[in-house]
C-alpha atoms as a PDB file:
ATOM      1  CA  MET A   1       7.361  11.037  -9.565  1.00  0.00           C
ATOM      2  CA  SER A   2       5.083  14.061  -9.252  1.00  0.00           C
ATOM      3  CA  ASN A   3       1.879  11.923  -8.758  1.00  0.00           C
ATOM      4  CA  ILE A   4       3.791   9.890  -6.151  1.00  0.00           C
ATOM      5  CA  LYS A   5       3.244  10.893  -2.586  1.00  0.00           C
ATOM      6  CA  VAL A   6       5.129   9.040   0.340  1.00  0.00           C
ATOM      7  CA  VAL A   7       3.240   7.602   3.229  1.00  0.00           C
ATOM      8  CA  GLU A   8       5.103   7.866   6.528  1.00  0.00           C
ATOM      9  CA  THR A   9       2.229   8.468   9.177  1.00  0.00           C
ATOM     10  CA  LYS A  10      -0.699   5.991  10.421  1.00  0.00           C
ATOM     11  CA  GLU A  11      -3.287   8.550   9.512  1.00  0.00           C
ATOM     12  CA  GLU A  12      -1.889   8.522   5.961  1.00  0.00           C
ATOM     13  CA  LEU A  13      -2.094   4.946   5.793  1.00  0.00           C
ATOM     14  CA  LYS A  14      -5.400   4.866   7.114  1.00  0.00           C
ATOM     15  CA  ASP A  15      -6.597   7.098   4.517  1.00  0.00           C
ATOM     16  CA  LEU A  16      -5.576   4.441   1.866  1.00  0.00           C
ATOM     17  CA  TYR A  17      -7.240   1.644   3.912  1.00  0.00           C
ATOM     18  CA  ASP A  18     -10.156   3.316   4.187  1.00  0.00           C
ATOM     19  CA  LYS A  19     -10.525   4.292   0.537  1.00  0.00           C
ATOM     20  CA  TRP A  20      -9.437   0.212  -0.387  1.00  0.00           C
ATOM     21  CA  ALA A  21      -6.812   1.515  -2.316  1.00  0.00           C
ATOM     22  CA  MET A  22      -5.130  -0.764  -4.918  1.00  0.00           C
ATOM     23  CA  THR A  23      -1.703  -1.765  -3.730  1.00  0.00           C
ATOM     24  CA  TRP A  24       1.408  -3.980  -4.830  1.00  0.00           C
ATOM     25  CA  GLU A  25       4.244  -5.269  -2.467  1.00  0.00           C
ATOM     26  CA  GLY A  26       7.624  -4.930  -3.985  1.00  0.00           C
ATOM     27  CA  LEU A  27       6.849  -3.123  -7.145  1.00  0.00           C
ATOM     28  CA  ARG A  28       9.916  -1.403  -8.697  1.00  0.00           C
ATOM     29  CA  GLU A  29      10.309   2.114  -8.483  1.00  0.00           C
ATOM     30  CA  GLN A  30      10.978   2.366 -12.299  1.00  0.00           C
ATOM     31  CA  ASP A  31       6.971   1.133 -12.688  1.00  0.00           C
ATOM     32  CA  PHE A  32       5.296   3.379 -10.320  1.00  0.00           C
ATOM     33  CA  GLU A  33       4.223   5.816 -13.440  1.00  0.00           C
ATOM     34  CA  GLU A  34       3.443   2.924 -15.719  1.00  0.00           C
ATOM     35  CA  ALA A  35       1.322   1.445 -12.860  1.00  0.00           C
ATOM     36  CA  LEU A  36      -0.386   4.640 -12.523  1.00  0.00           C
ATOM     37  CA  GLU A  37      -1.165   5.406 -16.221  1.00  0.00           C
ATOM     38  CA  TYR A  38      -2.739   2.044 -16.856  1.00  0.00           C
ATOM     39  CA  CYS A  39      -4.315   1.077 -13.511  1.00  0.00           C
ATOM     40  CA  GLY A  40      -5.186   4.728 -12.112  1.00  0.00           C
ATOM     41  CA  GLY A  41      -8.446   6.179 -12.618  1.00  0.00           C
ATOM     42  CA  GLU A  42      -8.905  10.132 -13.574  1.00  0.00           C
ATOM     43  CA  GLY A  43      -6.675  11.926 -11.236  1.00  0.00           C
ATOM     44  CA  ALA A  44      -4.987   8.947  -9.845  1.00  0.00           C
ATOM     45  CA  GLN A  45      -2.573   9.440  -7.329  1.00  0.00           C
ATOM     46  CA  GLY A  46       0.409   7.121  -6.466  1.00  0.00           C
ATOM     47  CA  TYR A  47       1.473   6.529  -2.353  1.00  0.00           C
ATOM     48  CA  LEU A  48       4.569   4.806  -1.323  1.00  0.00           C
ATOM     49  CA  ILE A  49       4.986   3.376   1.557  1.00  0.00           C
ATOM     50  CA  LYS A  50       8.303   1.507   2.507  1.00  0.00           C
ATOM     51  CA  GLY A  51       8.421  -1.691   4.339  1.00  0.00           C
ATOM     52  CA  LYS A  52      10.074   0.136   7.594  1.00  0.00           C
ATOM     53  CA  VAL A  53       6.512   2.185   7.799  1.00  0.00           C
ATOM     54  CA  MET A  54       4.542  -0.508   7.229  1.00  0.00           C
ATOM     55  CA  ASN A  55       6.546  -2.673  10.048  1.00  0.00           C
ATOM     56  CA  ASP A  56       6.417   0.305  12.295  1.00  0.00           C
ATOM     57  CA  ILE A  57       2.619   1.127  11.921  1.00  0.00           C
ATOM     58  CA  CYS A  58       1.262  -2.630  11.920  1.00  0.00           C
ATOM     59  CA  HIS A  59       3.643  -3.669  14.538  1.00  0.00           C
ATOM     60  CA  LEU A  60       5.004  -6.522  11.926  1.00  0.00           C
ATOM     61  CA  THR A  61       7.581  -8.709  13.254  1.00  0.00           C
ATOM     62  CA  ASP A  62       9.618 -11.507  12.415  1.00  0.00           C
ATOM     63  CA  SER A  63       8.850 -13.488   9.358  1.00  0.00           C
ATOM     64  CA  ASN A  64       5.671 -11.305   8.715  1.00  0.00           C
ATOM     65  CA  ALA A  65       7.775  -8.086   8.685  1.00  0.00           C
ATOM     66  CA  TYR A  66       8.643  -6.660   5.194  1.00  0.00           C
ATOM     67  CA  PRO A  67      12.117  -5.689   4.411  1.00  0.00           C
ATOM     68  CA  ASP A  68      12.698  -1.896   5.455  1.00  0.00           C
ATOM     69  CA  ASP A  69      13.410  -0.949   1.871  1.00  0.00           C
ATOM     70  CA  LEU A  70      10.710  -2.600   0.491  1.00  0.00           C
ATOM     71  CA  ASN A  71       8.525  -0.333  -2.007  1.00  0.00           C
ATOM     72  CA  ILE A  72       4.617  -0.831  -1.121  1.00  0.00           C
ATOM     73  CA  PHE A  73       2.872   1.061  -3.772  1.00  0.00           C
ATOM     74  CA  ALA A  74      -0.736   2.099  -3.659  1.00  0.00           C
ATOM     75  CA  ILE A  75      -3.144   3.953  -5.898  1.00  0.00           C
ATOM     76  CA  TYR A  76      -6.545   5.556  -5.547  1.00  0.00           C
ATOM     77  CA  PRO A  77      -8.463   6.158  -7.498  1.00  0.00           C
ATOM     78  CA  PHE A  78      -8.083   3.296  -9.428  1.00  0.00           C
ATOM     79  CA  LYS A  79      -9.565   1.153 -12.372  1.00  0.00           C
ATOM     80  CA  GLY A  80     -10.678  -2.469 -11.972  1.00  0.00           C
ATOM     81  CA  LEU A  81      -7.901  -3.624 -14.284  1.00  0.00           C
ATOM     82  CA  ALA A  82      -5.244  -3.374 -11.397  1.00  0.00           C
ATOM     83  CA  MET A  83      -6.252  -6.734 -10.079  1.00  0.00           C
ATOM     84  CA  GLN A  84      -5.325  -8.043 -13.464  1.00  0.00           C
ATOM     85  CA  TYR A  85      -1.658  -6.968 -12.684  1.00  0.00           C
ATOM     86  CA  GLY A  86      -1.173  -8.381  -9.429  1.00  0.00           C
ATOM     87  CA  ALA A  87      -2.891  -5.564  -7.059  1.00  0.00           C
ATOM     88  CA  ARG A  88      -4.746  -6.378  -3.796  1.00  0.00           C
ATOM     89  CA  TRP A  89      -6.913  -4.013  -1.698  1.00  0.00           C
ATOM     90  CA  MET A  90      -4.895  -2.386   0.836  1.00  0.00           C
ATOM     91  CA  THR A  91      -7.436  -3.522   3.496  1.00  0.00           C
ATOM     92  CA  ASP A  92      -6.497  -7.239   2.683  1.00  0.00           C
ATOM     93  CA  ILE A  93      -2.877  -6.706   2.884  1.00  0.00           C
ATOM     94  CA  ILE A  94      -3.160  -4.803   6.652  1.00  0.00           C
ATOM     95  CA  ASP A  95      -6.114  -7.285   7.844  1.00  0.00           C
ATOM     96  CA  ASN A  96      -4.400 -10.277   6.911  1.00  0.00           C
ATOM     97  CA  ASN A  97      -1.330  -8.902   8.743  1.00  0.00           C
ATOM     98  CA  ALA A  98      -3.200  -7.915  11.905  1.00  0.00           C
ATOM     99  CA  TYR A  99      -4.708 -11.511  11.785  1.00  0.00           C
ATOM    100  CA  ARG A 100      -1.093 -12.712  11.605  1.00  0.00           C
ATOM    101  CA  GLU A 101       0.207 -10.196  14.168  1.00  0.00           C
ATOM    102  CA  ASP A 102      -2.507 -10.351  16.559  1.00  0.00           C
ATOM    103  CA  TYR A 103      -2.850  -6.436  16.509  1.00  0.00           C
ATOM    104  CA  HIS A 104      -4.750  -4.068  14.103  1.00  0.00           C
ATOM    105  CA  PRO A 105      -3.545  -0.607  13.791  1.00  0.00           C
ATOM    106  CA  PHE A 106      -7.000   0.865  13.031  1.00  0.00           C
ATOM    107  CA  ALA A 107      -8.828  -1.165  15.675  1.00  0.00           C
ATOM    108  CA  GLU A 108     -11.287   1.509  17.927  1.00  0.00           C
END
């Protein structure tokens, strides 16, 4: 997993949010490299965010929280093809969670 970076901080997550990274919730680890190959743009980097990290940064609770060990996998840069394979914008994921929790981690 040489092109996979583990995201652990709010700043790293905000960077993916600001770049509108293509993101899959629940992608299996064995599919990371294939996602990068087919959906990554030139020089693509993969990013792994665990559910616990997303829960902590975004203050996700109850039924809105992810399982702690869930893989949330993002790619940047990406090809438009990613959406055909079930990817969503990172902004969509963060903003929808923020609406449900009434808390946005990147509100100024």
